[in-house]
Amino acid sequence: MSALTHEDRLFLRELQKCIAASCASYFDKTFGTNVLPATGASITIEGEVKMDMYDHAPGLAFYETDSSRSVVVPPYTEYYKLRELAESGFAACYQVWREAEDVYEGLFRPLNMRICNSDGVVIDLYERGGWLEDTIPPGQWTETAARIEELNREGSFQSGWDNFSTAKRMHRQASRLQQLLTLSRHRANSAA
């Protein structure tokens, strides 16, 4: 049993982020690298996993559930190498999915990726075979935030009526819009 409280763990996590940022800043100044923006970054591959619908008749029917995989980001990776790491991780997952012939149970199918900075802010999105270049203009941010809230509210309402597939689709749309909005804000703040 640990004697650390939740607040202690939060403090230590923040302290660790500050130390990593300090070291990255030192590397950037000393060696002329671009490590600081990628410090503490995470790469997440999002997709679906097929699961057996019936325990008594495996292989008869399957359903898909959302799942994700993480790509390991080595410490002090330069910012421009994040996309390369993400693409190689995605390609590996995709290759496994393509090569599986009759195996469905537990098979992960990659769909998209996101790269987040150490604060959890989305800094890059990969969808439909490419990195997103177009973002939401600042004038549409409020409208998009309202749309996200509306989709989440309607999804929750649909869940109450047992329309789970509709609710899942709405929550997925809201999540995608939220990631795109976060990316748009990040790029606008970085450009300023």
N, C-alpha and C. Protein backbone atom coordinates (compact mmCIF):
# COMPACT_ATOMS: atom_id res chain seq x y z
N MET A 1 0.84 -1.18 0.00
CA MET A 1 0.00 0.00 0.00
C MET A 1 0.89 1.24 0.00
N SER A 2 0.51 2.21 -0.78
CA SER A 2 1.31 3.42 -0.92
C SER A 2 0.84 4.49 0.06
N ALA A 3 1.80 5.23 0.58
CA ALA A 3 1.48 6.30 1.51
C ALA A 3 1.19 7.60 0.77
N LEU A 4 1.30 7.58 -0.56
CA LEU A 4 1.05 8.78 -1.35
C LEU A 4 -0.45 9.00 -1.54
N THR A 5 -0.86 10.24 -1.41
CA THR A 5 -2.26 10.59 -1.66
C THR A 5 -2.43 10.89 -3.14
N HIS A 6 -3.67 11.07 -3.54
CA HIS A 6 -3.96 11.42 -4.93
C HIS A 6 -3.29 12.74 -5.30
N GLU A 7 -3.33 13.70 -4.39
CA GLU A 7 -2.71 15.00 -4.64
C GLU A 7 -1.20 14.86 -4.77
N ASP A 8 -0.59 13.96 -3.97
CA ASP A 8 0.85 13.72 -4.08
C ASP A 8 1.20 13.18 -5.47
N ARG A 9 0.40 12.25 -5.94
CA ARG A 9 0.66 11.68 -7.27
C ARG A 9 0.51 12.73 -8.36
N LEU A 10 -0.51 13.58 -8.24
CA LEU A 10 -0.68 14.65 -9.22
C LEU A 10 0.51 15.60 -9.20
N PHE A 11 0.96 15.95 -8.00
CA PHE A 11 2.12 16.84 -7.87
C PHE A 11 3.35 16.20 -8.51
N LEU A 12 3.59 14.92 -8.23
CA LEU A 12 4.76 14.24 -8.79
C LEU A 12 4.67 14.13 -10.31
N ARG A 13 3.47 13.91 -10.83
CA ARG A 13 3.30 13.85 -12.28
C ARG A 13 3.62 15.20 -12.92
N GLU A 14 3.14 16.29 -12.31
CA GLU A 14 3.44 17.63 -12.82
C GLU A 14 4.93 17.94 -12.71
N LEU A 15 5.54 17.53 -11.60
CA LEU A 15 6.97 17.74 -11.41
C LEU A 15 7.76 16.99 -12.47
N GLN A 16 7.35 15.77 -12.76
CA GLN A 16 8.02 14.97 -13.79
C GLN A 16 7.90 15.64 -15.16
N LYS A 17 6.72 16.21 -15.47
CA LYS A 17 6.54 16.92 -16.74
C LYS A 17 7.44 18.14 -16.81
N CYS A 18 7.57 18.87 -15.71
CA CYS A 18 8.43 20.06 -15.68
C CYS A 18 9.90 19.69 -15.87
N ILE A 19 10.34 18.62 -15.23
CA ILE A 19 11.73 18.18 -15.37
C ILE A 19 12.00 17.75 -16.81
N ALA A 20 11.08 16.99 -17.40
CA ALA A 20 11.25 16.55 -18.78
C ALA A 20 11.30 17.74 -19.73
N ALA A 21 10.44 18.74 -19.50
CA ALA A 21 10.44 19.94 -20.34
C ALA A 21 11.74 20.72 -20.16
N SER A 22 12.24 20.78 -18.94
CA SER A 22 13.50 21.48 -18.68
C SER A 22 14.66 20.79 -19.41
N CYS A 23 14.71 19.47 -19.34
CA CYS A 23 15.77 18.72 -20.04
C CYS A 23 15.64 18.90 -21.55
N ALA A 24 14.42 18.85 -22.07
CA ALA A 24 14.20 19.03 -23.50
C ALA A 24 14.62 20.41 -23.94
N SER A 25 14.30 21.41 -23.14
CA SER A 25 14.70 22.79 -23.45
C SER A 25 16.22 22.90 -23.50
N TYR A 26 16.88 22.23 -22.56
CA TYR A 26 18.35 22.23 -22.53
C TYR A 26 18.90 21.58 -23.80
N PHE A 27 18.32 20.44 -24.21
CA PHE A 27 18.77 19.77 -25.43
C PHE A 27 18.59 20.68 -26.64
N ASP A 28 17.44 21.35 -26.71
CA ASP A 28 17.17 22.24 -27.84
C ASP A 28 18.20 23.36 -27.93
N LYS A 29 18.52 23.96 -26.78
CA LYS A 29 19.49 25.06 -26.78
C LYS A 29 20.90 24.57 -27.07
N THR A 30 21.26 23.44 -26.51
CA THR A 30 22.63 22.93 -26.65
C THR A 30 22.89 22.31 -28.02
N PHE A 31 21.95 21.50 -28.50
CA PHE A 31 22.20 20.74 -29.72
C PHE A 31 21.41 21.24 -30.93
N GLY A 32 20.60 22.27 -30.75
CA GLY A 32 19.82 22.82 -31.86
C GLY A 32 18.71 21.89 -32.34
N THR A 33 18.17 21.09 -31.44
CA THR A 33 17.09 20.17 -31.80
C THR A 33 15.73 20.83 -31.58
N ASN A 34 14.66 20.09 -31.87
CA ASN A 34 13.30 20.57 -31.64
C ASN A 34 12.55 19.52 -30.82
N VAL A 35 13.04 19.27 -29.59
CA VAL A 35 12.51 18.22 -28.73
C VAL A 35 11.39 18.72 -27.83
N LEU A 36 11.46 19.97 -27.39
CA LEU A 36 10.52 20.49 -26.40
C LEU A 36 9.04 20.31 -26.78
N PRO A 37 8.61 20.65 -28.02
CA PRO A 37 7.19 20.47 -28.33
C PRO A 37 6.71 19.03 -28.27
N ALA A 38 7.62 18.06 -28.42
CA ALA A 38 7.23 16.64 -28.42
C ALA A 38 7.40 15.98 -27.06
N THR A 39 7.91 16.71 -26.08
CA THR A 39 8.16 16.12 -24.76
C THR A 39 6.85 15.69 -24.11
N GLY A 40 6.79 14.45 -23.73
CA GLY A 40 5.59 13.91 -23.08
C GLY A 40 4.45 13.60 -24.03
N ALA A 41 4.72 13.63 -25.34
CA ALA A 41 3.68 13.38 -26.33
C ALA A 41 3.23 11.92 -26.28
N SER A 42 1.99 11.70 -26.68
CA SER A 42 1.45 10.33 -26.77
C SER A 42 0.82 10.14 -28.14
N ILE A 43 0.95 8.93 -28.65
CA ILE A 43 0.37 8.58 -29.94
C ILE A 43 -0.64 7.46 -29.69
N THR A 44 -1.89 7.70 -30.11
CA THR A 44 -2.95 6.71 -29.90
C THR A 44 -3.56 6.33 -31.24
N ILE A 45 -3.58 5.04 -31.51
CA ILE A 45 -4.24 4.51 -32.71
C ILE A 45 -5.62 4.05 -32.28
N GLU A 46 -6.65 4.62 -32.89
CA GLU A 46 -8.02 4.26 -32.55
C GLU A 46 -8.58 3.33 -33.61
N GLY A 47 -9.40 2.39 -33.17
CA GLY A 47 -9.99 1.45 -34.11
C GLY A 47 -11.09 0.63 -33.48
N GLU A 48 -11.29 -0.55 -34.03
CA GLU A 48 -12.35 -1.44 -33.56
C GLU A 48 -11.80 -2.85 -33.38
N VAL A 49 -12.39 -3.57 -32.46
CA VAL A 49 -12.04 -4.97 -32.22
C VAL A 49 -13.30 -5.80 -32.42
N LYS A 50 -13.17 -6.86 -33.20
CA LYS A 50 -14.31 -7.77 -33.41
C LYS A 50 -14.38 -8.75 -32.24
N MET A 51 -15.59 -8.95 -31.74
CA MET A 51 -15.82 -9.86 -30.61
C MET A 51 -16.94 -10.83 -30.98
N ASP A 52 -16.86 -12.05 -30.45
CA ASP A 52 -17.92 -13.04 -30.66
C ASP A 52 -19.21 -12.56 -30.00
N MET A 53 -20.31 -12.66 -30.75
CA MET A 53 -21.59 -12.24 -30.21
C MET A 53 -22.18 -13.31 -29.29
N TYR A 54 -21.95 -14.57 -29.61
CA TYR A 54 -22.55 -15.66 -28.83
C TYR A 54 -21.46 -16.55 -28.25
N ASP A 55 -21.47 -16.72 -26.93
CA ASP A 55 -20.49 -17.60 -26.29
C ASP A 55 -20.73 -19.07 -26.62
N HIS A 56 -21.99 -19.43 -26.79
CA HIS A 56 -22.31 -20.84 -27.05
C HIS A 56 -22.08 -21.24 -28.51
N ALA A 57 -21.89 -20.26 -29.40
CA ALA A 57 -21.65 -20.55 -30.82
C ALA A 57 -20.56 -19.62 -31.35
N PRO A 58 -19.32 -19.83 -30.93
CA PRO A 58 -18.25 -18.94 -31.39
C PRO A 58 -18.08 -18.99 -32.90
N GLY A 59 -17.85 -17.83 -33.49
CA GLY A 59 -17.66 -17.73 -34.92
C GLY A 59 -18.93 -17.55 -35.72
N LEU A 60 -20.08 -17.62 -35.06
CA LEU A 60 -21.36 -17.49 -35.77
C LEU A 60 -21.62 -16.03 -36.16
N ALA A 61 -21.44 -15.13 -35.22
CA ALA A 61 -21.68 -13.71 -35.48
C ALA A 61 -20.72 -12.88 -34.62
N PHE A 62 -20.42 -11.69 -35.11
CA PHE A 62 -19.48 -10.82 -34.42
C PHE A 62 -20.06 -9.42 -34.28
N TYR A 63 -19.59 -8.72 -33.29
CA TYR A 63 -19.90 -7.29 -33.16
C TYR A 63 -18.59 -6.56 -32.97
N GLU A 64 -18.61 -5.25 -33.22
CA GLU A 64 -17.39 -4.45 -33.11
C GLU A 64 -17.49 -3.54 -31.91
N THR A 65 -16.39 -3.42 -31.20
CA THR A 65 -16.32 -2.50 -30.07
C THR A 65 -15.12 -1.59 -30.26
N ASP A 66 -15.24 -0.35 -29.81
CA ASP A 66 -14.15 0.61 -29.94
C ASP A 66 -12.97 0.19 -29.09
N SER A 67 -11.79 0.41 -29.61
CA SER A 67 -10.58 0.08 -28.89
C SER A 67 -9.46 1.00 -29.36
N SER A 68 -8.36 0.99 -28.65
CA SER A 68 -7.22 1.81 -29.06
C SER A 68 -5.92 1.11 -28.69
N ARG A 69 -4.87 1.51 -29.37
CA ARG A 69 -3.53 1.01 -29.10
C ARG A 69 -2.61 2.22 -28.98
N SER A 70 -1.59 2.09 -28.16
CA SER A 70 -0.62 3.18 -27.99
C SER A 70 0.67 2.85 -28.72
N VAL A 71 1.31 3.89 -29.23
CA VAL A 71 2.62 3.77 -29.84
C VAL A 71 3.62 4.37 -28.86
N VAL A 72 4.68 3.64 -28.58
CA VAL A 72 5.68 4.12 -27.63
C VAL A 72 6.47 5.27 -28.25
N VAL A 73 6.54 6.38 -27.52
CA VAL A 73 7.31 7.54 -27.95
C VAL A 73 8.57 7.59 -27.09
N PRO A 74 9.74 7.35 -27.69
CA PRO A 74 10.97 7.41 -26.90
C PRO A 74 11.19 8.81 -26.34
N PRO A 75 11.83 8.92 -25.17
CA PRO A 75 12.09 10.24 -24.62
C PRO A 75 12.99 11.05 -25.56
N TYR A 76 12.76 12.33 -25.57
CA TYR A 76 13.56 13.28 -26.35
C TYR A 76 13.50 13.01 -27.85
N THR A 77 12.31 12.65 -28.30
CA THR A 77 12.06 12.49 -29.73
C THR A 77 11.80 13.87 -30.31
N GLU A 78 12.36 14.13 -31.48
CA GLU A 78 12.12 15.43 -32.11
C GLU A 78 10.69 15.48 -32.65
N TYR A 79 10.16 16.70 -32.70
CA TYR A 79 8.76 16.91 -33.06
C TYR A 79 8.41 16.30 -34.42
N TYR A 80 9.26 16.52 -35.42
CA TYR A 80 8.94 16.04 -36.76
C TYR A 80 8.93 14.52 -36.86
N LYS A 81 9.56 13.82 -35.92
CA LYS A 81 9.60 12.36 -35.95
C LYS A 81 8.34 11.71 -35.36
N LEU A 82 7.49 12.52 -34.72
CA LEU A 82 6.26 11.97 -34.15
C LEU A 82 5.37 11.35 -35.23
N ARG A 83 5.24 12.05 -36.36
CA ARG A 83 4.41 11.52 -37.45
C ARG A 83 4.99 10.21 -37.99
N GLU A 84 6.32 10.15 -38.11
CA GLU A 84 6.96 8.93 -38.60
C GLU A 84 6.68 7.75 -37.66
N LEU A 85 6.81 7.99 -36.36
CA LEU A 85 6.52 6.94 -35.37
C LEU A 85 5.07 6.49 -35.46
N ALA A 86 4.17 7.47 -35.57
CA ALA A 86 2.74 7.16 -35.64
C ALA A 86 2.42 6.35 -36.89
N GLU A 87 2.97 6.76 -38.03
CA GLU A 87 2.69 6.07 -39.28
C GLU A 87 3.23 4.64 -39.27
N SER A 88 4.40 4.43 -38.68
CA SER A 88 4.95 3.07 -38.62
C SER A 88 4.11 2.19 -37.68
N GLY A 89 3.64 2.75 -36.57
CA GLY A 89 2.76 1.99 -35.67
C GLY A 89 1.44 1.64 -36.32
N PHE A 90 0.87 2.60 -37.06
CA PHE A 90 -0.38 2.36 -37.76
C PHE A 90 -0.20 1.29 -38.83
N ALA A 91 0.91 1.39 -39.57
CA ALA A 91 1.19 0.41 -40.64
C ALA A 91 1.33 -1.00 -40.06
N ALA A 92 1.97 -1.11 -38.91
CA ALA A 92 2.13 -2.43 -38.28
C ALA A 92 0.78 -3.01 -37.88
N CYS A 93 -0.08 -2.20 -37.27
CA CYS A 93 -1.43 -2.67 -36.89
C CYS A 93 -2.25 -3.03 -38.12
N TYR A 94 -2.14 -2.22 -39.17
CA TYR A 94 -2.89 -2.46 -40.40
C TYR A 94 -2.43 -3.75 -41.07
N GLN A 95 -1.12 -3.98 -41.06
CA GLN A 95 -0.57 -5.19 -41.66
C GLN A 95 -1.10 -6.45 -40.97
N VAL A 96 -1.13 -6.43 -39.65
CA VAL A 96 -1.66 -7.57 -38.88
C VAL A 96 -3.13 -7.79 -39.25
N TRP A 97 -3.89 -6.70 -39.36
CA TRP A 97 -5.31 -6.81 -39.70
C TRP A 97 -5.50 -7.39 -41.10
N ARG A 98 -4.69 -6.93 -42.07
CA ARG A 98 -4.81 -7.40 -43.45
C ARG A 98 -4.42 -8.87 -43.61
N GLU A 99 -3.42 -9.30 -42.82
CA GLU A 99 -2.92 -10.67 -42.97
C GLU A 99 -3.78 -11.71 -42.25
N ALA A 100 -4.62 -11.28 -41.34
CA ALA A 100 -5.48 -12.22 -40.62
C ALA A 100 -6.60 -12.64 -41.57
N GLU A 101 -6.64 -13.91 -41.90
CA GLU A 101 -7.61 -14.36 -42.89
C GLU A 101 -8.94 -14.75 -42.26
N ASP A 102 -8.92 -15.80 -41.45
CA ASP A 102 -10.17 -16.29 -40.86
C ASP A 102 -10.31 -15.93 -39.39
N VAL A 103 -9.38 -15.14 -38.89
CA VAL A 103 -9.41 -14.79 -37.47
C VAL A 103 -10.18 -13.49 -37.31
N TYR A 104 -11.22 -13.54 -36.51
CA TYR A 104 -11.99 -12.33 -36.25
C TYR A 104 -11.96 -11.95 -34.77
N GLU A 105 -12.05 -12.95 -33.91
CA GLU A 105 -12.13 -12.70 -32.47
C GLU A 105 -10.90 -11.95 -31.98
N GLY A 106 -11.12 -10.78 -31.43
CA GLY A 106 -10.04 -9.99 -30.84
C GLY A 106 -9.16 -9.28 -31.84
N LEU A 107 -9.54 -9.28 -33.10
CA LEU A 107 -8.73 -8.65 -34.14
C LEU A 107 -8.94 -7.14 -34.14
N PHE A 108 -7.85 -6.39 -34.00
CA PHE A 108 -7.90 -4.93 -33.96
C PHE A 108 -7.78 -4.38 -35.38
N ARG A 109 -8.73 -3.52 -35.75
CA ARG A 109 -8.70 -2.86 -37.06
C ARG A 109 -8.45 -1.37 -36.84
N PRO A 110 -7.27 -0.85 -37.24
CA PRO A 110 -6.98 0.56 -37.03
C PRO A 110 -7.78 1.45 -37.98
N LEU A 111 -8.28 2.57 -37.45
CA LEU A 111 -9.06 3.49 -38.27
C LEU A 111 -8.42 4.87 -38.37
N ASN A 112 -7.99 5.42 -37.23
CA ASN A 112 -7.38 6.75 -37.24
C ASN A 112 -6.40 6.88 -36.08
N MET A 113 -5.69 7.99 -36.06
CA MET A 113 -4.69 8.23 -35.00
C MET A 113 -4.78 9.66 -34.51
N ARG A 114 -4.28 9.84 -33.30
CA ARG A 114 -4.14 11.20 -32.78
C ARG A 114 -2.82 11.28 -32.02
N ILE A 115 -2.20 12.45 -32.12
CA ILE A 115 -0.99 12.73 -31.35
C ILE A 115 -1.37 13.84 -30.38
N CYS A 116 -1.10 13.62 -29.11
CA CYS A 116 -1.40 14.61 -28.06
C CYS A 116 -0.10 15.05 -27.41
N ASN A 117 -0.07 16.30 -26.95
CA ASN A 117 1.10 16.77 -26.22
C ASN A 117 1.00 16.32 -24.77
N SER A 118 1.94 16.77 -23.95
CA SER A 118 1.99 16.30 -22.55
C SER A 118 0.77 16.74 -21.75
N ASP A 119 0.06 17.76 -22.20
CA ASP A 119 -1.14 18.23 -21.50
C ASP A 119 -2.42 17.55 -22.02
N GLY A 120 -2.27 16.63 -22.97
CA GLY A 120 -3.43 15.93 -23.51
C GLY A 120 -4.13 16.67 -24.64
N VAL A 121 -3.53 17.75 -25.12
CA VAL A 121 -4.11 18.54 -26.21
C VAL A 121 -3.76 17.87 -27.54
N VAL A 122 -4.76 17.68 -28.39
CA VAL A 122 -4.53 17.06 -29.70
C VAL A 122 -3.70 18.02 -30.55
N ILE A 123 -2.55 17.52 -31.04
CA ILE A 123 -1.68 18.37 -31.87
C ILE A 123 -1.60 17.85 -33.31
N ASP A 124 -2.15 16.67 -33.58
CA ASP A 124 -2.19 16.15 -34.94
C ASP A 124 -3.22 15.02 -35.03
N LEU A 125 -3.90 14.94 -36.17
CA LEU A 125 -4.91 13.90 -36.41
C LEU A 125 -4.65 13.21 -37.74
N TYR A 126 -4.84 11.91 -37.77
CA TYR A 126 -4.66 11.10 -38.97
C TYR A 126 -5.97 10.39 -39.23
N GLU A 127 -6.57 10.67 -40.40
CA GLU A 127 -7.85 10.04 -40.78
C GLU A 127 -7.85 9.74 -42.26
N ARG A 128 -8.50 8.67 -42.62
CA ARG A 128 -8.68 8.30 -44.03
C ARG A 128 -7.37 8.30 -44.82
N GLY A 129 -6.31 7.80 -44.19
CA GLY A 129 -5.04 7.64 -44.89
C GLY A 129 -4.17 8.87 -44.99
N GLY A 130 -4.47 9.93 -44.25
CA GLY A 130 -3.64 11.13 -44.33
C GLY A 130 -3.78 12.01 -43.10
N TRP A 131 -2.81 12.88 -42.93
CA TRP A 131 -2.81 13.82 -41.80
C TRP A 131 -3.72 14.99 -42.13
N LEU A 132 -4.53 15.41 -41.19
CA LEU A 132 -5.46 16.52 -41.42
C LEU A 132 -4.70 17.83 -41.53
N GLU A 133 -4.97 18.54 -42.59
CA GLU A 133 -4.35 19.86 -42.78
C GLU A 133 -5.37 20.97 -42.52
N ASP A 134 -6.62 20.72 -42.93
CA ASP A 134 -7.67 21.73 -42.75
C ASP A 134 -8.23 21.64 -41.34
N THR A 135 -8.40 22.80 -40.73
CA THR A 135 -8.97 22.85 -39.39
C THR A 135 -10.17 23.79 -39.38
N ILE A 136 -10.80 23.89 -38.24
CA ILE A 136 -11.99 24.74 -38.09
C ILE A 136 -11.53 26.18 -37.90
N PRO A 137 -12.06 27.12 -38.70
CA PRO A 137 -11.68 28.53 -38.53
C PRO A 137 -12.15 29.07 -37.17
N PRO A 138 -11.40 30.01 -36.58
CA PRO A 138 -11.75 30.55 -35.26
C PRO A 138 -13.18 31.09 -35.17
N GLY A 139 -13.72 31.60 -36.24
CA GLY A 139 -15.08 32.13 -36.23
C GLY A 139 -16.14 31.06 -36.01
N GLN A 140 -15.80 29.80 -36.23
CA GLN A 140 -16.77 28.71 -36.10
C GLN A 140 -16.57 27.89 -34.83
N TRP A 141 -15.65 28.28 -33.98
CA TRP A 141 -15.36 27.51 -32.77
C TRP A 141 -16.56 27.43 -31.83
N THR A 142 -17.25 28.55 -31.61
CA THR A 142 -18.39 28.54 -30.69
C THR A 142 -19.51 27.67 -31.24
N GLU A 143 -19.76 27.79 -32.52
CA GLU A 143 -20.80 26.98 -33.17
C GLU A 143 -20.45 25.49 -33.09
N THR A 144 -19.18 25.16 -33.29
CA THR A 144 -18.74 23.77 -33.22
C THR A 144 -18.87 23.22 -31.81
N ALA A 145 -18.50 24.03 -30.81
CA ALA A 145 -18.64 23.60 -29.40
C ALA A 145 -20.11 23.33 -29.07
N ALA A 146 -21.00 24.17 -29.59
CA ALA A 146 -22.44 23.95 -29.37
C ALA A 146 -22.90 22.67 -30.06
N ARG A 147 -22.38 22.40 -31.24
CA ARG A 147 -22.73 21.18 -31.97
C ARG A 147 -22.25 19.93 -31.21
N ILE A 148 -21.05 20.01 -30.63
CA ILE A 148 -20.51 18.90 -29.84
C ILE A 148 -21.42 18.62 -28.65
N GLU A 149 -21.81 19.68 -27.96
CA GLU A 149 -22.69 19.53 -26.80
C GLU A 149 -24.04 18.93 -27.21
N GLU A 150 -24.56 19.39 -28.35
CA GLU A 150 -25.85 18.88 -28.84
C GLU A 150 -25.75 17.39 -29.21
N LEU A 151 -24.66 17.00 -29.87
CA LEU A 151 -24.48 15.59 -30.23
C LEU A 151 -24.36 14.70 -28.99
N ASN A 152 -23.62 15.16 -27.99
CA ASN A 152 -23.49 14.38 -26.75
C ASN A 152 -24.82 14.26 -26.02
N ARG A 153 -25.57 15.37 -25.98
CA ARG A 153 -26.87 15.35 -25.31
C ARG A 153 -27.84 14.43 -26.04
N GLU A 154 -27.89 14.53 -27.37
CA GLU A 154 -28.79 13.69 -28.15
C GLU A 154 -28.37 12.22 -28.06
N GLY A 155 -27.06 11.96 -28.03
CA GLY A 155 -26.57 10.59 -27.87
C GLY A 155 -26.99 9.99 -26.55
N SER A 156 -26.92 10.77 -25.49
CA SER A 156 -27.36 10.30 -24.18
C SER A 156 -28.86 10.03 -24.17
N PHE A 157 -29.62 10.90 -24.84
CA PHE A 157 -31.06 10.73 -24.93
C PHE A 157 -31.38 9.43 -25.68
N GLN A 158 -30.67 9.18 -26.79
CA GLN A 158 -30.90 7.96 -27.57
C GLN A 158 -30.55 6.71 -26.77
N SER A 159 -29.52 6.80 -25.92
CA SER A 159 -29.16 5.66 -25.06
C SER A 159 -30.30 5.33 -24.11
N GLY A 160 -30.99 6.37 -23.63
CA GLY A 160 -32.11 6.17 -22.72
C GLY A 160 -33.26 5.43 -23.38
N TRP A 161 -33.34 5.52 -24.70
CA TRP A 161 -34.39 4.82 -25.44
C TRP A 161 -33.86 3.51 -26.06
N ASP A 162 -32.72 3.05 -25.60
CA ASP A 162 -32.10 1.80 -26.07
C ASP A 162 -31.70 1.84 -27.54
N ASN A 163 -31.49 3.02 -28.08
CA ASN A 163 -30.98 3.16 -29.44
C ASN A 163 -29.45 3.26 -29.36
N PHE A 164 -28.82 2.17 -28.96
CA PHE A 164 -27.39 2.21 -28.65
C PHE A 164 -26.51 2.46 -29.87
N SER A 165 -26.87 1.92 -31.03
CA SER A 165 -26.04 2.15 -32.21
C SER A 165 -26.11 3.61 -32.64
N THR A 166 -27.28 4.22 -32.55
CA THR A 166 -27.42 5.64 -32.87
C THR A 166 -26.65 6.48 -31.86
N ALA A 167 -26.77 6.13 -30.59
CA ALA A 167 -26.06 6.87 -29.54
C ALA A 167 -24.55 6.76 -29.73
N LYS A 168 -24.08 5.58 -30.07
CA LYS A 168 -22.64 5.37 -30.28
C LYS A 168 -22.15 6.23 -31.44
N ARG A 169 -22.93 6.25 -32.53
CA ARG A 169 -22.56 7.06 -33.69
C ARG A 169 -22.50 8.55 -33.33
N MET A 170 -23.46 9.02 -32.55
CA MET A 170 -23.49 10.43 -32.16
C MET A 170 -22.32 10.78 -31.24
N HIS A 171 -22.03 9.91 -30.28
CA HIS A 171 -20.90 10.16 -29.38
C HIS A 171 -19.58 10.12 -30.15
N ARG A 172 -19.49 9.25 -31.14
CA ARG A 172 -18.28 9.17 -31.97
C ARG A 172 -18.11 10.46 -32.78
N GLN A 173 -19.21 10.98 -33.34
CA GLN A 173 -19.16 12.24 -34.08
C GLN A 173 -18.74 13.39 -33.17
N ALA A 174 -19.28 13.41 -31.96
CA ALA A 174 -18.94 14.46 -31.00
C ALA A 174 -17.46 14.38 -30.62
N SER A 175 -16.97 13.17 -30.42
CA SER A 175 -15.57 12.98 -30.06
C SER A 175 -14.65 13.45 -31.18
N ARG A 176 -14.99 13.12 -32.41
CA ARG A 176 -14.19 13.54 -33.55
C ARG A 176 -14.19 15.06 -33.69
N LEU A 177 -15.36 15.67 -33.55
CA LEU A 177 -15.44 17.13 -33.61
C LEU A 177 -14.65 17.78 -32.49
N GLN A 178 -14.68 17.20 -31.28
CA GLN A 178 -13.93 17.73 -30.15
C GLN A 178 -12.43 17.67 -30.42
N GLN A 179 -11.98 16.57 -30.99
CA GLN A 179 -10.56 16.45 -31.33
C GLN A 179 -10.17 17.46 -32.40
N LEU A 180 -11.02 17.64 -33.40
CA LEU A 180 -10.74 18.61 -34.46
C LEU A 180 -10.74 20.03 -33.92
N LEU A 181 -11.65 20.34 -33.01
CA LEU A 181 -11.70 21.66 -32.40
C LEU A 181 -10.44 21.93 -31.57
N THR A 182 -10.02 20.93 -30.80
CA THR A 182 -8.81 21.06 -29.99
C THR A 182 -7.59 21.27 -30.88
N LEU A 183 -7.52 20.50 -31.97
CA LEU A 183 -6.42 20.65 -32.93
C LEU A 183 -6.43 22.04 -33.55
N SER A 184 -7.61 22.53 -33.92
CA SER A 184 -7.73 23.86 -34.52
C SER A 184 -7.25 24.94 -33.56
N ARG A 185 -7.65 24.85 -32.30
CA ARG A 185 -7.21 25.83 -31.30
C ARG A 185 -5.71 25.75 -31.09
N HIS A 186 -5.16 24.53 -31.04
CA HIS A 186 -3.72 24.37 -30.86
C HIS A 186 -2.95 25.00 -32.01
N ARG A 187 -3.37 24.73 -33.24
CA ARG A 187 -2.67 25.28 -34.40
C ARG A 187 -2.79 26.80 -34.46
N ALA A 188 -3.95 27.33 -34.09
CA ALA A 188 -4.12 28.78 -34.09
C ALA A 188 -3.23 29.43 -33.03
N ASN A 189 -3.15 28.82 -31.85
CA ASN A 189 -2.29 29.36 -30.78
C ASN A 189 -0.81 29.21 -31.11
N SER A 190 -0.44 28.13 -31.80
CA SER A 190 0.96 27.92 -32.17
C SER A 190 1.40 28.89 -33.25
N ALA A 191 0.47 29.23 -34.15
CA ALA A 191 0.80 30.15 -35.23
C ALA A 191 0.91 31.59 -34.74
N ALA A 192 0.22 31.89 -33.64
CA ALA A 192 0.22 33.28 -33.13
C ALA A 192 1.51 33.63 -32.42
